Structures are given as C-alpha cells and as structure tokens.
Amino acid sequence: MKINWGTGIVLAFIGFISFILFFVIRMNMDDHANHDLVTEEYYKQELKYQNEIDAETNANNLSSKVIIEKKPEGLTVAFPKEIDLKKIKGTVSLYRPSNKHLDFDLPISLSNTHLLIPDNRLLGGRWDIKISWEYLDKPYLFKKSITY
C-alpha cells in the first residue's frame, strides 16, 4: 500500500495531537505539579493588604534595614541597631513556593542582634521570607525572596 501526501499529513496531525494530549493528561495527573494558591485563605489576605503596605513603608523608613545572611549554621536575620531588641515581638514566615508542606513560622526571640534560622530546616531552593514584627505598637514588615 502506497501512502500519498494527504494521508501523510493526516497521520502527522494525528501523531502531533496525540503527543500533546499525552503530555496534558500526564501533567494533570502528576502529583509533583501541585497547583495550589499562594495561601489557603487568599481573599481574606487580600483585604489586609493595605496594612501590609503600611508596615512595609514603616520598615523602609528605618535608618538601617533588616539584613539576611547565609551562614554555615543557617540563615541569620539581623535587625536594625536602633531598635531595642527586647521590645520586638513578631514572626518570621518562610514560604516554599514549590511545596507548601515545607512552610513554617518562627517566633522572633532575640538574645543578641540577630535571629538564627537553623540549616536543618531549610532545603536548597527558593524561599520567600516574610518578617512581620511590632515595635512600640507600630507594625513593620520585611519581605525578600532568596535562593538557599
């Protein structure tokens, strides 16, 4: 049996469509590709967004900024020197975009000028860090994306 041009084109289209459908079905069934929202209660978080903007503005108006450094022990978070460290209360949230099961929050408890996030809690890859604290009844917020 001889295949002409018309039959070859139809077979090529069928092969291409099958190829695309295979990958669409495979990606939808794959557990590694979770399509989660950034937060569970996205719309509630959106209503609080102006408060976050104000808190970020407060943090940006400080004379020195929050500094995050990678060290062998883990990540160190250094707060501005102008702040009395005993009066800070808040949390450090680490969000892993690729896996929500790795997300965690740490309370801010400072014995000296910096907070240490242990190396064993952090896997290599991208992390979004959100440090929200209150100092003298004024909210502050610092956000940064890092690759650990």
Protein backbone atom coordinates (compact mmCIF):
# COMPACT_ATOMS: atom_id res chain seq x y z
CA MET A 1 0.00 0.00 0.00
CA LYS A 2 1.28 3.37 -1.00
CA ILE A 3 0.82 6.44 1.24
CA ASN A 4 0.14 9.71 -0.57
CA TRP A 5 0.68 13.27 0.69
CA GLY A 6 -2.83 13.69 2.06
CA THR A 7 -2.59 10.53 4.17
CA GLY A 8 0.86 11.55 5.45
CA ILE A 9 -0.40 14.98 6.54
CA VAL A 10 -3.40 13.45 8.34
CA LEU A 11 -1.12 10.92 10.11
CA ALA A 12 1.26 13.72 11.12
CA PHE A 13 -1.67 15.74 12.60
CA ILE A 14 -2.97 12.71 14.49
CA GLY A 15 0.51 11.97 15.84
CA PHE A 16 1.02 15.58 16.94
CA ILE A 17 -2.41 15.83 18.61
CA SER A 18 -1.80 12.52 20.40
CA PHE A 19 1.59 13.75 21.59
CA ILE A 20 0.10 16.98 23.02
CA LEU A 21 -2.85 15.18 24.67
CA PHE A 22 -0.47 12.69 26.29
CA PHE A 23 1.51 15.48 27.99
CA VAL A 24 -1.61 17.44 29.02
CA ILE A 25 -3.11 14.37 30.68
CA ARG A 26 0.21 13.40 32.25
CA MET A 27 0.77 16.86 33.79
CA ASN A 28 -2.77 16.99 35.20
CA MET A 29 -2.41 13.58 36.84
CA ASP A 30 1.12 14.17 38.19
CA ASP A 31 1.31 14.73 41.98
CA HIS A 32 4.55 16.70 41.68
CA ALA A 33 2.78 19.54 39.89
CA ASN A 34 0.52 20.87 42.63
CA HIS A 35 -1.48 23.87 41.54
CA ASP A 36 -2.17 25.45 44.94
CA LEU A 37 -2.99 29.04 45.70
CA VAL A 38 -0.31 31.02 47.46
CA THR A 39 -2.28 30.92 50.72
CA GLU A 40 -5.29 28.91 51.79
CA GLU A 41 -7.42 31.98 52.57
CA TYR A 42 -6.37 34.14 49.65
CA TYR A 43 -9.31 36.55 49.70
CA LYS A 44 -9.07 37.24 53.44
CA GLN A 45 -5.39 38.02 52.98
CA GLU A 46 -6.19 40.40 50.13
CA LEU A 47 -8.42 42.52 52.40
CA LYS A 48 -5.47 43.02 54.80
CA TYR A 49 -3.11 44.12 52.05
CA GLN A 50 -3.20 47.88 52.85
CA ASN A 51 -1.98 47.09 56.38
CA GLU A 52 0.95 45.22 54.83
CA ILE A 53 1.79 48.18 52.60
CA ASP A 54 1.82 50.50 55.63
CA ALA A 55 4.00 48.08 57.62
CA GLU A 56 6.48 47.77 54.72
CA THR A 57 6.64 51.55 54.49
CA ASN A 58 7.45 51.70 58.21
CA ALA A 59 10.27 49.18 57.74
CA ASN A 60 11.66 51.06 54.73
CA ASN A 61 11.70 54.32 56.70
CA LEU A 62 14.10 52.91 59.30
CA SER A 63 17.65 54.26 59.03
CA SER A 64 19.07 50.73 58.67
CA LYS A 65 17.35 47.74 57.11
CA VAL A 66 16.88 44.10 58.09
CA ILE A 67 19.81 42.04 56.79
CA ILE A 68 19.56 38.35 55.91
CA GLU A 69 22.81 36.42 55.51
CA LYS A 70 23.52 32.80 54.66
CA LYS A 71 25.99 31.16 57.04
CA PRO A 72 27.04 27.53 57.62
CA GLU A 73 24.71 27.29 60.64
CA GLY A 74 21.73 28.60 58.64
CA LEU A 75 20.22 31.99 57.86
CA THR A 76 20.81 34.91 60.19
CA VAL A 77 18.33 37.76 60.37
CA ALA A 78 19.87 40.96 61.75
CA PHE A 79 17.51 43.69 62.90
CA PRO A 80 18.35 47.41 62.83
CA LYS A 81 20.59 48.58 65.65
CA GLU A 82 18.29 51.50 66.52
CA ILE A 83 15.61 49.12 67.82
CA ASP A 84 15.55 47.85 71.41
CA LEU A 85 15.61 44.10 70.75
CA LYS A 86 13.74 43.20 73.92
CA LYS A 87 10.65 45.11 72.75
CA ILE A 88 10.31 43.34 69.39
CA LYS A 89 7.56 40.76 69.02
CA GLY A 90 6.53 39.07 65.81
CA THR A 91 7.12 36.15 63.48
CA VAL A 92 9.40 35.07 60.67
CA SER A 93 7.49 33.14 58.00
CA LEU A 94 9.31 31.05 55.45
CA TYR A 95 7.26 30.06 52.42
CA ARG A 96 8.41 27.48 49.89
CA PRO A 97 6.58 28.10 46.56
CA SER A 98 7.25 24.58 45.27
CA ASN A 99 5.98 22.68 48.34
CA LYS A 100 3.57 24.05 50.93
CA HIS A 101 4.47 21.25 53.36
CA LEU A 102 7.89 22.86 53.91
CA ASP A 103 6.43 26.23 55.01
CA PHE A 104 6.98 27.19 58.63
CA ASP A 105 6.79 30.13 61.03
CA LEU A 106 9.22 31.05 63.80
CA PRO A 107 8.52 33.47 66.64
CA ILE A 108 11.03 36.28 66.96
CA SER A 109 13.07 35.72 70.10
CA LEU A 110 16.32 37.63 70.16
CA SER A 111 19.14 37.13 72.63
CA ASN A 112 21.56 39.27 70.67
CA THR A 113 21.30 41.35 67.49
CA HIS A 114 20.32 38.52 65.18
CA LEU A 115 17.95 35.58 64.83
CA LEU A 116 19.25 32.24 63.53
CA ILE A 117 17.12 30.01 61.32
CA PRO A 118 18.77 26.57 61.55
CA ASP A 119 20.22 24.99 58.44
CA ASN A 120 18.39 21.68 59.01
CA ARG A 121 15.00 23.42 58.50
CA LEU A 122 15.96 24.80 55.07
CA LEU A 123 16.26 22.79 51.87
CA GLY A 124 18.07 24.11 48.85
CA GLY A 125 15.93 26.19 46.51
CA ARG A 126 13.77 29.30 46.54
CA TRP A 127 12.30 30.62 49.79
CA ASP A 128 10.10 33.67 50.35
CA ILE A 129 10.83 35.23 53.73
CA LYS A 130 8.30 37.47 55.44
CA ILE A 131 9.33 39.08 58.72
CA SER A 132 6.49 40.86 60.47
CA TRP A 133 7.16 42.48 63.81
CA GLU A 134 5.78 45.09 66.12
CA TYR A 135 7.89 47.61 67.95
CA LEU A 136 6.35 50.22 70.26
CA ASP A 137 2.88 49.37 68.90
CA LYS A 138 3.96 50.15 65.34
CA PRO A 139 3.84 47.34 62.72
CA TYR A 140 6.81 46.58 60.47
CA LEU A 141 7.11 44.16 57.56
CA PHE A 142 10.10 42.95 55.55
CA LYS A 143 9.81 40.64 52.54
CA LYS A 144 12.53 39.01 50.50
CA SER A 145 12.95 36.06 48.13
CA ILE A 146 16.18 34.10 48.45
CA THR A 147 17.74 31.00 46.96
CA TYR A 148 19.23 28.83 49.67
